[in-house]
């Protein structure tokens, strides 16, 4: 009986180790994950962290800003960085609470950045109140960059404006560019008949996945939803069942594809900490927040993978 009990205990221990290990997959030696974020209200600028497993993140540059905002409202909130097919990093961000434009900058190494540009993306909408949480996605199918963000145009959707925070009733707008010189006119990108912000998009095989936040205040939603579509422009099929933790207000989702699945990070902003969900198919989810380690104070950022050569250039910031 004693041998049986010892064997059962060992079996349980192995199962526990395996369950933890499958969410702690290390990258090949030539890959590193980078996470961009901001602190406070975004006054000091861009913060970077790195990880090899997607769960344990360590700050770069002693968690000091690597880029100070200079344009618009002189904030750098909600930074989104991607590595383009040109092997250049492209970043967009929120420049101010009531700016009608967003920030744009480029870098070859995440340390030295181009002059910051203010893109007046909502200039053709004179009553627009804001341009929040821009994201940028390279679409291989159409060979162009999609830049999209949340804006409120008062009076446009009276049926949902009453349930918003002080009339901040958002929809997702977008523009596209191939060269960061010429941009298509801003257009309505996603209108799901509720107050929506913080859209982020990735392509998985032949399908596009978009995660959005339901920003409804009365009654409160403040959760994350998944929509899928055949192209980056949709049409989008929304799963109305939230996947983020129940009764937790979250924002700023970011998708990171690992070797076996996908992490979705989010800012649990009322609790002043980060959380994460893990999925293989964007249908079944596991909360892995207890295993997540983020630099203190991290807020609404984005994650991407870089090569060892690219990461070596960042070593001076460690």
C-alpha atoms as a PDB file:
ATOM      1  CA  UNK A   1       0.000   0.000   0.000  1.00  0.00           C
ATOM      2  CA  UNK A   2       2.852   2.371   0.834  1.00  0.00           C
ATOM      3  CA  UNK A   3       4.406   1.870  -2.626  1.00  0.00           C
ATOM      4  CA  UNK A   4       1.054   2.570  -4.257  1.00  0.00           C
ATOM      5  CA  UNK A   5       0.627   5.800  -2.273  1.00  0.00           C
ATOM      6  CA  UNK A   6       4.166   6.924  -3.108  1.00  0.00           C
ATOM      7  CA  UNK A   7       3.580   6.178  -6.793  1.00  0.00           C
ATOM      8  CA  UNK A   8       0.276   8.094  -6.764  1.00  0.00           C
ATOM      9  CA  UNK A   9       1.953  11.073  -5.078  1.00  0.00           C
ATOM     10  CA  UNK A  10       4.760  11.021  -7.659  1.00  0.00           C
ATOM     11  CA  UNK A  11       2.220  10.831 -10.490  1.00  0.00           C
ATOM     12  CA  UNK A  12       0.327  13.843  -9.141  1.00  0.00           C
ATOM     13  CA  UNK A  13       3.584  15.788  -8.807  1.00  0.00           C
ATOM     14  CA  UNK A  14       4.517  15.014 -12.419  1.00  0.00           C
ATOM     15  CA  UNK A  15       1.070  16.120 -13.599  1.00  0.00           C
ATOM     16  CA  UNK A  16       1.361  19.419 -11.693  1.00  0.00           C
ATOM     17  CA  UNK A  17       4.823  20.078 -13.123  1.00  0.00           C
ATOM     18  CA  UNK A  18       3.575  19.349 -16.633  1.00  0.00           C
ATOM     19  CA  UNK A  19       0.551  21.627 -16.219  1.00  0.00           C
ATOM     20  CA  UNK A  20       2.796  24.509 -15.150  1.00  0.00           C
ATOM     21  CA  UNK A  21       5.440  23.761 -17.750  1.00  0.00           C
ATOM     22  CA  UNK A  22       3.131  23.838 -20.730  1.00  0.00           C
ATOM     23  CA  UNK A  23       2.562  27.560 -20.099  1.00  0.00           C
ATOM     24  CA  UNK A  24       6.258  28.217 -19.561  1.00  0.00           C
ATOM     25  CA  UNK A  25       7.543  27.314 -23.011  1.00  0.00           C
ATOM     26  CA  UNK A  26      10.918  28.932 -23.634  1.00  0.00           C
ATOM     27  CA  UNK A  27      11.729  30.311 -27.042  1.00  0.00           C
ATOM     28  CA  UNK A  28      14.547  29.068 -29.229  1.00  0.00           C
ATOM     29  CA  UNK A  29      17.832  30.742 -28.347  1.00  0.00           C
ATOM     30  CA  UNK A  30      17.466  33.140 -31.263  1.00  0.00           C
ATOM     31  CA  UNK A  31      14.070  34.588 -30.230  1.00  0.00           C
ATOM     32  CA  UNK A  32      13.034  37.032 -27.514  1.00  0.00           C
ATOM     33  CA  UNK A  33       9.706  38.650 -26.716  1.00  0.00           C
ATOM     34  CA  UNK A  34       9.503  42.421 -26.163  1.00  0.00           C
ATOM     35  CA  UNK A  35       6.688  44.220 -24.347  1.00  0.00           C
ATOM     36  CA  UNK A  36       6.031  47.943 -24.689  1.00  0.00           C
ATOM     37  CA  UNK A  37       3.997  49.859 -22.107  1.00  0.00           C
ATOM     38  CA  UNK A  38       3.662  53.139 -20.237  1.00  0.00           C
ATOM     39  CA  UNK A  39       3.513  54.311 -16.630  1.00  0.00           C
ATOM     40  CA  UNK A  40       1.203  56.694 -14.801  1.00  0.00           C
ATOM     41  CA  UNK A  41      -0.518  59.006 -17.277  1.00  0.00           C
ATOM     42  CA  UNK A  42       2.111  58.483 -19.965  1.00  0.00           C
ATOM     43  CA  UNK A  43       4.092  61.654 -19.354  1.00  0.00           C
ATOM     44  CA  UNK A  44       7.532  60.034 -19.283  1.00  0.00           C
ATOM     45  CA  UNK A  45       7.061  57.898 -22.384  1.00  0.00           C
ATOM     46  CA  UNK A  46       7.883  54.416 -23.647  1.00  0.00           C
ATOM     47  CA  UNK A  47       8.915  51.541 -21.375  1.00  0.00           C
ATOM     48  CA  UNK A  48      10.238  48.195 -22.615  1.00  0.00           C
ATOM     49  CA  UNK A  49      10.533  44.732 -21.057  1.00  0.00           C
ATOM     50  CA  UNK A  50      11.713  41.352 -22.361  1.00  0.00           C
ATOM     51  CA  UNK A  51      10.873  37.692 -21.835  1.00  0.00           C
ATOM     52  CA  UNK A  52      11.726  34.266 -23.228  1.00  0.00           C
ATOM     53  CA  UNK A  53       8.622  32.463 -22.053  1.00  0.00           C
ATOM     54  CA  UNK A  54       5.884  35.079 -22.378  1.00  0.00           C
ATOM     55  CA  UNK A  55       5.133  35.030 -18.658  1.00  0.00           C
ATOM     56  CA  UNK A  56       8.216  36.331 -16.859  1.00  0.00           C
ATOM     57  CA  UNK A  57       8.953  39.880 -18.045  1.00  0.00           C
ATOM     58  CA  UNK A  58      12.018  41.841 -16.979  1.00  0.00           C
ATOM     59  CA  UNK A  59      12.371  45.604 -17.482  1.00  0.00           C
ATOM     60  CA  UNK A  60      14.916  47.097 -19.842  1.00  0.00           C
ATOM     61  CA  UNK A  61      16.760  50.359 -19.139  1.00  0.00           C
ATOM     62  CA  UNK A  62      16.101  49.902 -15.395  1.00  0.00           C
ATOM     63  CA  UNK A  63      12.437  50.487 -16.240  1.00  0.00           C
ATOM     64  CA  UNK A  64      13.144  54.059 -17.281  1.00  0.00           C
ATOM     65  CA  UNK A  65      11.596  55.573 -20.398  1.00  0.00           C
ATOM     66  CA  UNK A  66      13.440  55.077 -23.699  1.00  0.00           C
ATOM     67  CA  UNK A  67      11.430  57.698 -25.604  1.00  0.00           C
ATOM     68  CA  UNK A  68       9.884  60.928 -24.284  1.00  0.00           C
ATOM     69  CA  UNK A  69       6.674  62.200 -25.929  1.00  0.00           C
ATOM     70  CA  UNK A  70       7.000  65.491 -27.814  1.00  0.00           C
ATOM     71  CA  UNK A  71       3.808  65.868 -29.844  1.00  0.00           C
ATOM     72  CA  UNK A  72       0.091  66.469 -29.344  1.00  0.00           C
ATOM     73  CA  UNK A  73      -0.816  66.422 -25.674  1.00  0.00           C
ATOM     74  CA  UNK A  74       2.731  65.214 -24.967  1.00  0.00           C
ATOM     75  CA  UNK A  75       1.644  61.881 -23.567  1.00  0.00           C
ATOM     76  CA  UNK A  76       2.762  58.451 -24.724  1.00  0.00           C
ATOM     77  CA  UNK A  77      -0.028  56.086 -23.748  1.00  0.00           C
ATOM     78  CA  UNK A  78      -1.041  52.713 -25.188  1.00  0.00           C
ATOM     79  CA  UNK A  79       2.097  52.150 -27.292  1.00  0.00           C
ATOM     80  CA  UNK A  80       1.738  49.534 -30.030  1.00  0.00           C
ATOM     81  CA  UNK A  81       4.916  48.381 -31.798  1.00  0.00           C
ATOM     82  CA  UNK A  82       5.201  45.977 -34.711  1.00  0.00           C
ATOM     83  CA  UNK A  83       8.126  44.816 -36.821  1.00  0.00           C
ATOM     84  CA  UNK A  84       7.275  45.506 -40.438  1.00  0.00           C
ATOM     85  CA  UNK A  85       8.321  43.515 -43.510  1.00  0.00           C
ATOM     86  CA  UNK A  86      10.903  46.276 -44.057  1.00  0.00           C
ATOM     87  CA  UNK A  87      12.631  45.091 -40.838  1.00  0.00           C
ATOM     88  CA  UNK A  88      11.793  48.436 -39.211  1.00  0.00           C
ATOM     89  CA  UNK A  89       9.844  48.837 -35.967  1.00  0.00           C
ATOM     90  CA  UNK A  90       6.758  51.018 -36.324  1.00  0.00           C
ATOM     91  CA  UNK A  91       4.981  52.446 -33.266  1.00  0.00           C
ATOM     92  CA  UNK A  92       1.694  54.282 -32.775  1.00  0.00           C
ATOM     93  CA  UNK A  93       0.363  55.674 -29.506  1.00  0.00           C
ATOM     94  CA  UNK A  94      -2.211  57.915 -27.811  1.00  0.00           C
ATOM     95  CA  UNK A  95      -0.829  61.456 -27.581  1.00  0.00           C
ATOM     96  CA  UNK A  96      -3.515  62.976 -25.343  1.00  0.00           C
ATOM     97  CA  UNK A  97      -6.919  62.399 -23.803  1.00  0.00           C
ATOM     98  CA  UNK A  98      -8.721  64.742 -26.211  1.00  0.00           C
ATOM     99  CA  UNK A  99      -6.356  64.843 -29.186  1.00  0.00           C
ATOM    100  CA  UNK A 100      -7.881  64.189 -32.603  1.00  0.00           C
ATOM    101  CA  UNK A 101      -4.672  62.578 -33.775  1.00  0.00           C
ATOM    102  CA  UNK A 102      -2.190  59.888 -32.772  1.00  0.00           C
ATOM    103  CA  UNK A 103       1.582  59.517 -32.564  1.00  0.00           C
ATOM    104  CA  UNK A 104       3.816  57.687 -35.035  1.00  0.00           C
ATOM    105  CA  UNK A 105       7.544  56.901 -34.948  1.00  0.00           C
ATOM    106  CA  UNK A 106       9.948  54.376 -36.453  1.00  0.00           C
ATOM    107  CA  UNK A 107      13.117  52.652 -35.264  1.00  0.00           C
ATOM    108  CA  UNK A 108      15.650  50.106 -36.477  1.00  0.00           C
ATOM    109  CA  UNK A 109      16.640  49.020 -32.952  1.00  0.00           C
ATOM    110  CA  UNK A 110      13.914  50.149 -30.464  1.00  0.00           C
ATOM    111  CA  UNK A 111      16.444  52.582 -28.950  1.00  0.00           C
ATOM    112  CA  UNK A 112      16.946  55.284 -31.543  1.00  0.00           C
ATOM    113  CA  UNK A 113      13.666  56.644 -32.900  1.00  0.00           C
ATOM    114  CA  UNK A 114      12.739  58.862 -35.823  1.00  0.00           C
ATOM    115  CA  UNK A 115      11.184  62.273 -35.355  1.00  0.00           C
ATOM    116  CA  UNK A 116       7.745  61.850 -33.838  1.00  0.00           C
ATOM    117  CA  UNK A 117       4.851  62.527 -36.201  1.00  0.00           C
ATOM    118  CA  UNK A 118       1.358  63.645 -35.255  1.00  0.00           C
ATOM    119  CA  UNK A 119      -1.204  61.999 -37.536  1.00  0.00           C
ATOM    120  CA  UNK A 120      -4.402  64.065 -37.446  1.00  0.00           C
ATOM    121  CA  UNK A 121      -6.529  61.022 -38.177  1.00  0.00           C
ATOM    122  CA  UNK A 122      -9.849  62.550 -37.055  1.00  0.00           C
ATOM    123  CA  UNK A 123      -9.319  65.982 -38.630  1.00  0.00           C
ATOM    124  CA  UNK A 124     -12.183  65.371 -41.087  1.00  0.00           C
ATOM    125  CA  UNK A 125     -14.593  64.785 -38.193  1.00  0.00           C
ATOM    126  CA  UNK A 126     -14.835  68.199 -36.488  1.00  0.00           C
ATOM    127  CA  UNK A 127     -16.940  67.027 -33.543  1.00  0.00           C
ATOM    128  CA  UNK A 128     -14.748  64.009 -32.724  1.00  0.00           C
ATOM    129  CA  UNK A 129     -13.665  64.063 -29.099  1.00  0.00           C
ATOM    130  CA  UNK A 130     -10.581  61.835 -29.169  1.00  0.00           C
ATOM    131  CA  UNK A 131      -8.403  59.174 -30.786  1.00  0.00           C
ATOM    132  CA  UNK A 132      -7.539  56.467 -28.275  1.00  0.00           C
ATOM    133  CA  UNK A 133      -5.395  53.342 -28.182  1.00  0.00           C
ATOM    134  CA  UNK A 134      -4.227  53.108 -31.797  1.00  0.00           C
ATOM    135  CA  UNK A 135      -2.920  49.799 -33.101  1.00  0.00           C
ATOM    136  CA  UNK A 136      -0.971  49.020 -36.237  1.00  0.00           C
ATOM    137  CA  UNK A 137      -1.110  45.735 -38.149  1.00  0.00           C
ATOM    138  CA  UNK A 138       0.728  44.705 -41.304  1.00  0.00           C
ATOM    139  CA  UNK A 139      -1.664  42.833 -43.577  1.00  0.00           C
ATOM    140  CA  UNK A 140       0.174  40.402 -45.803  1.00  0.00           C
ATOM    141  CA  UNK A 141      -2.879  39.841 -47.987  1.00  0.00           C
ATOM    142  CA  UNK A 142      -3.295  43.487 -49.020  1.00  0.00           C
ATOM    143  CA  UNK A 143       0.366  44.461 -48.547  1.00  0.00           C
ATOM    144  CA  UNK A 144      -0.392  47.507 -46.413  1.00  0.00           C
ATOM    145  CA  UNK A 145      -0.461  48.748 -42.838  1.00  0.00           C
ATOM    146  CA  UNK A 146      -3.791  49.089 -41.075  1.00  0.00           C
ATOM    147  CA  UNK A 147      -3.854  51.728 -38.315  1.00  0.00           C
ATOM    148  CA  UNK A 148      -7.001  51.705 -36.186  1.00  0.00           C
ATOM    149  CA  UNK A 149      -8.187  53.370 -32.974  1.00  0.00           C
ATOM    150  CA  UNK A 150     -11.276  54.291 -30.951  1.00  0.00           C
ATOM    151  CA  UNK A 151     -13.036  57.654 -31.311  1.00  0.00           C
ATOM    152  CA  UNK A 152     -16.221  59.252 -30.020  1.00  0.00           C
ATOM    153  CA  UNK A 153     -18.367  61.415 -32.296  1.00  0.00           C
ATOM    154  CA  UNK A 154     -21.159  62.739 -30.038  1.00  0.00           C
ATOM    155  CA  UNK A 155     -24.734  62.115 -31.127  1.00  0.00           C
ATOM    156  CA  UNK A 156     -23.875  59.415 -33.656  1.00  0.00           C
ATOM    157  CA  UNK A 157     -25.211  56.464 -31.654  1.00  0.00           C
ATOM    158  CA  UNK A 158     -27.790  57.834 -29.177  1.00  0.00           C
ATOM    159  CA  UNK A 159     -28.992  54.324 -28.318  1.00  0.00           C
ATOM    160  CA  UNK A 160     -25.648  53.524 -26.650  1.00  0.00           C
ATOM    161  CA  UNK A 161     -24.417  56.992 -25.680  1.00  0.00           C
ATOM    162  CA  UNK A 162     -26.630  56.998 -22.583  1.00  0.00           C
ATOM    163  CA  UNK A 163     -24.879  53.898 -21.251  1.00  0.00           C
ATOM    164  CA  UNK A 164     -21.385  55.367 -21.764  1.00  0.00           C
ATOM    165  CA  UNK A 165     -19.063  57.153 -19.331  1.00  0.00           C
ATOM    166  CA  UNK A 166     -20.064  60.823 -19.640  1.00  0.00           C
ATOM    167  CA  UNK A 167     -20.921  60.411 -23.302  1.00  0.00           C
ATOM    168  CA  UNK A 168     -17.640  58.747 -24.324  1.00  0.00           C
ATOM    169  CA  UNK A 169     -19.297  56.375 -26.777  1.00  0.00           C
ATOM    170  CA  UNK A 170     -16.658  54.897 -29.062  1.00  0.00           C
ATOM    171  CA  UNK A 171     -16.448  53.084 -32.358  1.00  0.00           C
ATOM    172  CA  UNK A 172     -13.324  51.859 -34.164  1.00  0.00           C
ATOM    173  CA  UNK A 173     -11.961  53.949 -37.054  1.00  0.00           C
ATOM    174  CA  UNK A 174      -9.077  53.183 -39.408  1.00  0.00           C
ATOM    175  CA  UNK A 175      -6.735  54.351 -42.132  1.00  0.00           C
ATOM    176  CA  UNK A 176      -4.238  52.418 -44.258  1.00  0.00           C
ATOM    177  CA  UNK A 177      -0.830  53.176 -45.710  1.00  0.00           C
ATOM    178  CA  UNK A 178       1.841  51.427 -47.719  1.00  0.00           C
ATOM    179  CA  UNK A 179       4.646  53.909 -47.153  1.00  0.00           C
ATOM    180  CA  UNK A 180       3.807  56.143 -44.124  1.00  0.00           C
ATOM    181  CA  UNK A 181       3.600  59.045 -46.554  1.00  0.00           C
ATOM    182  CA  UNK A 182       0.224  58.541 -48.189  1.00  0.00           C
ATOM    183  CA  UNK A 183      -2.810  57.544 -46.105  1.00  0.00           C
ATOM    184  CA  UNK A 184      -6.334  56.572 -47.106  1.00  0.00           C
ATOM    185  CA  UNK A 185      -9.164  58.747 -45.737  1.00  0.00           C
ATOM    186  CA  UNK A 186     -10.221  57.779 -42.231  1.00  0.00           C
ATOM    187  CA  UNK A 187     -13.295  55.551 -42.221  1.00  0.00           C
ATOM    188  CA  UNK A 188     -15.507  53.730 -39.751  1.00  0.00           C
ATOM    189  CA  UNK A 189     -13.890  50.327 -39.276  1.00  0.00           C
ATOM    190  CA  UNK A 190     -15.972  48.467 -36.676  1.00  0.00           C
ATOM    191  CA  UNK A 191     -19.461  49.250 -35.362  1.00  0.00           C
ATOM    192  CA  UNK A 192     -20.773  46.407 -33.166  1.00  0.00           C
ATOM    193  CA  UNK A 193     -23.742  48.358 -31.719  1.00  0.00           C
ATOM    194  CA  UNK A 194     -22.003  48.853 -28.386  1.00  0.00           C
ATOM    195  CA  UNK A 195     -19.382  51.192 -26.982  1.00  0.00           C
ATOM    196  CA  UNK A 196     -16.132  49.589 -28.205  1.00  0.00           C
ATOM    197  CA  UNK A 197     -12.455  50.427 -27.674  1.00  0.00           C
ATOM    198  CA  UNK A 198      -9.001  48.798 -27.676  1.00  0.00           C
ATOM    199  CA  UNK A 199      -9.244  46.664 -30.799  1.00  0.00           C
ATOM    200  CA  UNK A 200      -6.239  44.482 -31.662  1.00  0.00           C
ATOM    201  CA  UNK A 201      -5.949  42.120 -34.634  1.00  0.00           C
ATOM    202  CA  UNK A 202      -3.842  39.100 -35.550  1.00  0.00           C
ATOM    203  CA  UNK A 203      -3.956  36.577 -38.365  1.00  0.00           C
ATOM    204  CA  UNK A 204      -4.147  32.880 -37.506  1.00  0.00           C
ATOM    205  CA  UNK A 205      -3.828  30.618 -40.567  1.00  0.00           C
ATOM    206  CA  UNK A 206      -6.495  31.825 -43.013  1.00  0.00           C
ATOM    207  CA  UNK A 207      -8.579  33.613 -40.377  1.00  0.00           C
ATOM    208  CA  UNK A 208      -8.308  37.028 -38.758  1.00  0.00           C
ATOM    209  CA  UNK A 209      -8.925  37.395 -35.029  1.00  0.00           C
ATOM    210  CA  UNK A 210      -9.865  40.706 -33.436  1.00  0.00           C
ATOM    211  CA  UNK A 211     -10.131  41.266 -29.701  1.00  0.00           C
ATOM    212  CA  UNK A 212     -12.084  44.279 -28.482  1.00  0.00           C
ATOM    213  CA  UNK A 213     -13.212  45.748 -25.203  1.00  0.00           C
ATOM    214  CA  UNK A 214     -16.891  46.337 -24.466  1.00  0.00           C
ATOM    215  CA  UNK A 215     -16.640  49.751 -22.792  1.00  0.00           C
ATOM    216  CA  UNK A 216     -20.306  49.929 -21.743  1.00  0.00           C
ATOM    217  CA  UNK A 217     -20.593  51.581 -18.311  1.00  0.00           C
ATOM    218  CA  UNK A 218     -24.308  51.276 -17.419  1.00  0.00           C
ATOM    219  CA  UNK A 219     -24.660  48.430 -16.652  1.00  0.00           C
ATOM    220  CA  UNK A 220     -20.903  47.806 -16.593  1.00  0.00           C
ATOM    221  CA  UNK A 221     -19.305  45.438 -19.084  1.00  0.00           C
ATOM    222  CA  UNK A 222     -15.606  46.441 -19.235  1.00  0.00           C
ATOM    223  CA  UNK A 223     -14.658  43.014 -20.610  1.00  0.00           C
ATOM    224  CA  UNK A 224     -12.978  41.468 -23.637  1.00  0.00           C
ATOM    225  CA  UNK A 225     -14.629  39.780 -26.617  1.00  0.00           C
ATOM    226  CA  UNK A 226     -13.394  37.912 -29.703  1.00  0.00           C
ATOM    227  CA  UNK A 227     -14.473  38.532 -33.270  1.00  0.00           C
ATOM    228  CA  UNK A 228     -13.307  36.573 -36.320  1.00  0.00           C
ATOM    229  CA  UNK A 229     -13.360  37.329 -40.023  1.00  0.00           C
ATOM    230  CA  UNK A 230     -12.051  36.210 -43.424  1.00  0.00           C
ATOM    231  CA  UNK A 231     -10.077  39.421 -43.969  1.00  0.00           C
ATOM    232  CA  UNK A 232      -8.723  42.297 -41.916  1.00  0.00           C
ATOM    233  CA  UNK A 233     -11.750  44.322 -42.991  1.00  0.00           C
ATOM    234  CA  UNK A 234     -14.200  41.616 -41.951  1.00  0.00           C
ATOM    235  CA  UNK A 235     -17.038  41.011 -42.014  1.00  0.00           C
ATOM    236  CA  UNK A 236     -16.534  40.314 -38.324  1.00  0.00           C
ATOM    237  CA  UNK A 237     -18.439  37.620 -36.450  1.00  0.00           C
ATOM    238  CA  UNK A 238     -18.554  38.504 -32.762  1.00  0.00           C
ATOM    239  CA  UNK A 239     -18.675  35.964 -29.933  1.00  0.00           C
ATOM    240  CA  UNK A 240     -20.830  37.812 -27.403  1.00  0.00           C
ATOM    241  CA  UNK A 241     -19.474  35.784 -24.466  1.00  0.00           C
ATOM    242  CA  UNK A 242     -16.599  37.599 -22.726  1.00  0.00           C
ATOM    243  CA  UNK A 243     -13.427  35.586 -22.132  1.00  0.00           C
ATOM    244  CA  UNK A 244     -11.731  37.917 -19.655  1.00  0.00           C
ATOM    245  CA  UNK A 245     -12.049  37.176 -15.912  1.00  0.00           C
ATOM    246  CA  UNK A 246     -15.571  37.638 -14.592  1.00  0.00           C
ATOM    247  CA  UNK A 247     -16.317  40.800 -12.594  1.00  0.00           C
ATOM    248  CA  UNK A 248     -12.908  42.273 -13.489  1.00  0.00           C
ATOM    249  CA  UNK A 249     -12.604  45.532 -15.396  1.00  0.00           C
ATOM    250  CA  UNK A 250      -9.884  45.211 -18.013  1.00  0.00           C
ATOM    251  CA  UNK A 251      -8.496  47.154 -20.973  1.00  0.00           C
ATOM    252  CA  UNK A 252      -5.635  47.225 -23.454  1.00  0.00           C
ATOM    253  CA  UNK A 253      -5.572  43.632 -24.780  1.00  0.00           C
ATOM    254  CA  UNK A 254      -2.444  42.494 -26.616  1.00  0.00           C
ATOM    255  CA  UNK A 255      -2.031  39.169 -28.456  1.00  0.00           C
ATOM    256  CA  UNK A 256       1.251  37.249 -28.409  1.00  0.00           C
ATOM    257  CA  UNK A 257       1.465  34.039 -30.416  1.00  0.00           C
ATOM    258  CA  UNK A 258       3.784  31.459 -28.857  1.00  0.00           C
ATOM    259  CA  UNK A 259       4.811  28.124 -30.326  1.00  0.00           C
ATOM    260  CA  UNK A 260       1.782  26.220 -29.082  1.00  0.00           C
ATOM    261  CA  UNK A 261      -0.879  28.863 -28.576  1.00  0.00           C
ATOM    262  CA  UNK A 262      -1.628  32.487 -27.836  1.00  0.00           C
ATOM    263  CA  UNK A 263      -1.353  34.719 -24.787  1.00  0.00           C
ATOM    264  CA  UNK A 264      -3.723  37.649 -24.454  1.00  0.00           C
ATOM    265  CA  UNK A 265      -2.433  40.209 -21.955  1.00  0.00           C
ATOM    266  CA  UNK A 266      -4.675  42.878 -20.450  1.00  0.00           C
ATOM    267  CA  UNK A 267      -4.448  45.729 -17.992  1.00  0.00           C
ATOM    268  CA  UNK A 268      -6.611  45.106 -14.905  1.00  0.00           C
ATOM    269  CA  UNK A 269      -6.591  48.835 -14.392  1.00  0.00           C
ATOM    270  CA  UNK A 270      -8.845  49.074 -11.350  1.00  0.00           C
ATOM    271  CA  UNK A 271      -6.587  46.581  -9.548  1.00  0.00           C
ATOM    272  CA  UNK A 272      -3.341  48.171 -10.814  1.00  0.00           C
ATOM    273  CA  UNK A 273      -1.918  44.935 -12.188  1.00  0.00           C
ATOM    274  CA  UNK A 274      -1.648  42.918 -15.391  1.00  0.00           C
ATOM    275  CA  UNK A 275      -3.423  39.687 -16.247  1.00  0.00           C
ATOM    276  CA  UNK A 276      -3.219  37.115 -19.034  1.00  0.00           C
ATOM    277  CA  UNK A 277      -5.325  34.411 -20.643  1.00  0.00           C
ATOM    278  CA  UNK A 278      -3.973  31.498 -22.685  1.00  0.00           C
ATOM    279  CA  UNK A 279      -5.715  29.848 -25.624  1.00  0.00           C
ATOM    280  CA  UNK A 280      -4.988  27.537 -28.534  1.00  0.00           C
ATOM    281  CA  UNK A 281      -8.089  28.355 -30.568  1.00  0.00           C
ATOM    282  CA  UNK A 282      -9.588  31.647 -29.206  1.00  0.00           C
ATOM    283  CA  UNK A 283     -12.537  29.609 -27.950  1.00  0.00           C
ATOM    284  CA  UNK A 284     -11.268  27.760 -24.873  1.00  0.00           C
ATOM    285  CA  UNK A 285      -9.376  29.898 -22.360  1.00  0.00           C
ATOM    286  CA  UNK A 286      -7.220  29.443 -19.296  1.00  0.00           C
ATOM    287  CA  UNK A 287      -6.439  32.241 -16.854  1.00  0.00           C
ATOM    288  CA  UNK A 288      -2.651  32.226 -16.316  1.00  0.00           C
ATOM    289  CA  UNK A 289      -2.467  35.535 -14.473  1.00  0.00           C
ATOM    290  CA  UNK A 290      -1.010  33.936 -11.348  1.00  0.00           C
ATOM    291  CA  UNK A 291       2.057  32.920 -13.376  1.00  0.00           C
ATOM    292  CA  UNK A 292       2.506  36.348 -14.981  1.00  0.00           C
ATOM    293  CA  UNK A 293       5.314  38.636 -13.797  1.00  0.00           C
ATOM    294  CA  UNK A 294       5.289  42.193 -15.163  1.00  0.00           C
ATOM    295  CA  UNK A 295       7.348  45.261 -14.208  1.00  0.00           C
ATOM    296  CA  UNK A 296       5.470  47.176 -11.539  1.00  0.00           C
ATOM    297  CA  UNK A 297       3.149  49.830 -12.888  1.00  0.00           C
ATOM    298  CA  UNK A 298       2.968  48.439 -16.441  1.00  0.00           C
ATOM    299  CA  UNK A 299      -0.016  49.807 -18.324  1.00  0.00           C
ATOM    300  CA  UNK A 300      -1.695  49.079 -21.682  1.00  0.00           C
ATOM    301  CA  UNK A 301       1.048  47.867 -23.976  1.00  0.00           C
ATOM    302  CA  UNK A 302       1.805  45.439 -26.786  1.00  0.00           C
ATOM    303  CA  UNK A 303       3.992  42.387 -27.317  1.00  0.00           C
ATOM    304  CA  UNK A 304       6.105  41.218 -30.245  1.00  0.00           C
ATOM    305  CA  UNK A 305       8.863  38.746 -31.056  1.00  0.00           C
ATOM    306  CA  UNK A 306      12.370  39.830 -32.097  1.00  0.00           C
ATOM    307  CA  UNK A 307      15.477  37.929 -33.173  1.00  0.00           C
ATOM    308  CA  UNK A 308      18.623  37.474 -31.103  1.00  0.00           C
ATOM    309  CA  UNK A 309      20.424  39.977 -33.329  1.00  0.00           C
ATOM    310  CA  UNK A 310      17.732  42.564 -32.710  1.00  0.00           C
ATOM    311  CA  UNK A 311      17.697  41.822 -28.997  1.00  0.00           C
ATOM    312  CA  UNK A 312      21.497  42.123 -28.787  1.00  0.00           C
ATOM    313  CA  UNK A 313      21.131  45.759 -29.815  1.00  0.00           C
ATOM    314  CA  UNK A 314      18.974  46.239 -26.728  1.00  0.00           C
ATOM    315  CA  UNK A 315      21.562  44.782 -24.332  1.00  0.00           C
ATOM    316  CA  UNK A 316      22.866  48.261 -23.558  1.00  0.00           C
ATOM    317  CA  UNK A 317      19.479  48.959 -21.933  1.00  0.00           C
ATOM    318  CA  UNK A 318      19.722  46.057 -19.458  1.00  0.00           C
END
